[in-house]
């Protein structure tokens, strides 16, 4: 069946999502570290280690002497953060490419 312009739906939220992601990128890791809830409940220290086994942020004391994470695999929290930032940036790029495709397709239909 032929496609009619009135049958198309404008996806307005896609541009809003990419703008919001741009705003999130402006937030720095230092702001994140200053937050009181980002401290260990037991030791009141900055969460600086990611327990890969528990999928949880912990402080270095919990990693070394906490007892609850014995034999677990750890990674520096900054490394995990950078991996997540990279993944989010890749998804943003995909969304932007898709948005441009959709805009192009809508313009083609309008023509």
Protein backbone atom coordinates (compact mmCIF):
# COMPACT_ATOMS: atom_id res chain seq x y z
CA UNK A 1 0.00 0.00 0.00
CA UNK A 2 1.29 3.50 -0.69
CA UNK A 3 2.52 5.44 2.31
CA UNK A 4 0.73 8.68 3.06
CA UNK A 5 2.31 11.58 4.95
CA UNK A 6 -0.59 11.74 7.41
CA UNK A 7 0.15 8.12 8.39
CA UNK A 8 3.67 8.95 9.63
CA UNK A 9 4.34 9.59 13.28
CA UNK A 10 6.88 12.24 14.25
CA UNK A 11 9.23 10.82 16.88
CA UNK A 12 9.79 14.00 18.90
CA UNK A 13 11.30 12.30 21.93
CA UNK A 14 14.39 11.06 20.06
CA UNK A 15 15.83 14.57 19.85
CA UNK A 16 14.95 15.21 23.51
CA UNK A 17 16.76 12.02 24.56
CA UNK A 18 19.93 12.98 22.71
CA UNK A 19 19.82 16.47 24.26
CA UNK A 20 19.40 14.98 27.74
CA UNK A 21 22.33 12.63 27.13
CA UNK A 22 24.45 15.63 26.13
CA UNK A 23 23.50 17.27 29.41
CA UNK A 24 24.44 14.14 31.35
CA UNK A 25 27.87 14.12 29.73
CA UNK A 26 28.54 17.56 31.21
CA UNK A 27 28.24 16.13 34.72
CA UNK A 28 31.69 15.21 35.94
CA UNK A 29 32.94 12.28 37.98
CA UNK A 30 34.05 14.69 40.72
CA UNK A 31 30.46 15.81 41.25
CA UNK A 32 29.52 12.15 41.53
CA UNK A 33 32.23 11.54 44.14
CA UNK A 34 31.12 14.45 46.32
CA UNK A 35 27.70 12.94 46.91
CA UNK A 36 27.24 11.67 50.48
CA UNK A 37 25.36 8.55 49.35
CA UNK A 38 28.48 7.50 47.43
CA UNK A 39 30.27 6.56 50.63
CA UNK A 40 30.57 3.13 52.18
CA UNK A 41 27.90 2.45 54.79
CA UNK A 42 30.38 0.54 56.96
CA UNK A 43 33.57 2.59 56.64
CA UNK A 44 32.22 6.00 55.46
CA UNK A 45 34.90 6.09 52.79
CA UNK A 46 34.61 6.93 49.11
CA UNK A 47 33.41 4.04 46.95
CA UNK A 48 36.42 3.38 44.74
CA UNK A 49 36.24 -0.32 43.87
CA UNK A 50 33.72 -2.31 41.85
CA UNK A 51 33.10 -5.89 43.00
CA UNK A 52 32.57 -7.70 39.71
CA UNK A 53 31.18 -10.76 41.51
CA UNK A 54 28.49 -8.84 43.44
CA UNK A 55 28.05 -6.14 40.75
CA UNK A 56 28.35 -3.56 43.52
CA UNK A 57 30.46 -0.51 44.38
CA UNK A 58 32.50 -0.86 47.55
CA UNK A 59 35.32 0.97 49.33
CA UNK A 60 38.91 -0.29 49.32
CA UNK A 61 38.61 -1.45 52.95
CA UNK A 62 35.64 -3.67 52.09
CA UNK A 63 37.66 -5.09 49.20
CA UNK A 64 40.72 -5.81 51.31
CA UNK A 65 39.43 -6.59 54.79
CA UNK A 66 35.64 -6.60 54.67
CA UNK A 67 35.31 -10.37 54.69
CA UNK A 68 32.11 -10.29 52.65
CA UNK A 69 34.00 -10.06 49.36
CA UNK A 70 36.66 -12.70 49.91
CA UNK A 71 37.71 -14.38 46.66
CA UNK A 72 35.72 -11.92 44.55
CA UNK A 73 36.96 -10.14 41.44
CA UNK A 74 37.54 -6.38 41.69
CA UNK A 75 38.09 -3.56 39.23
CA UNK A 76 38.79 0.13 39.86
CA UNK A 77 35.50 2.02 39.86
CA UNK A 78 36.94 4.70 37.54
CA UNK A 79 37.67 2.01 34.92
CA UNK A 80 34.11 0.65 35.09
CA UNK A 81 32.79 4.23 34.90
CA UNK A 82 34.81 4.90 31.74
CA UNK A 83 33.52 1.68 30.17
CA UNK A 84 29.95 2.75 30.86
CA UNK A 85 30.59 6.26 29.49
CA UNK A 86 32.01 4.73 26.32
CA UNK A 87 29.00 2.44 25.94
CA UNK A 88 26.55 5.32 26.49
CA UNK A 89 28.43 7.48 23.95
CA UNK A 90 28.24 4.66 21.39
CA UNK A 91 24.49 4.34 21.96
CA UNK A 92 24.07 8.12 21.65
CA UNK A 93 25.91 8.02 18.33
CA UNK A 94 23.62 5.22 17.12
CA UNK A 95 20.54 7.19 18.20
CA UNK A 96 21.80 10.30 16.42
CA UNK A 97 22.45 8.34 13.22
CA UNK A 98 18.98 6.79 13.42
CA UNK A 99 17.42 10.21 14.06
CA UNK A 100 19.16 11.60 10.97
CA UNK A 101 17.93 8.61 8.94
CA UNK A 102 14.38 9.18 10.11
CA UNK A 103 14.53 12.91 9.38
CA UNK A 104 15.85 12.13 5.93
CA UNK A 105 13.10 9.59 5.30
CA UNK A 106 10.40 12.01 6.44
CA UNK A 107 11.82 14.71 4.16
CA UNK A 108 11.85 12.22 1.29
CA UNK A 109 8.21 11.32 1.91
CA UNK A 110 7.30 15.03 2.09
CA UNK A 111 8.96 15.54 -1.31
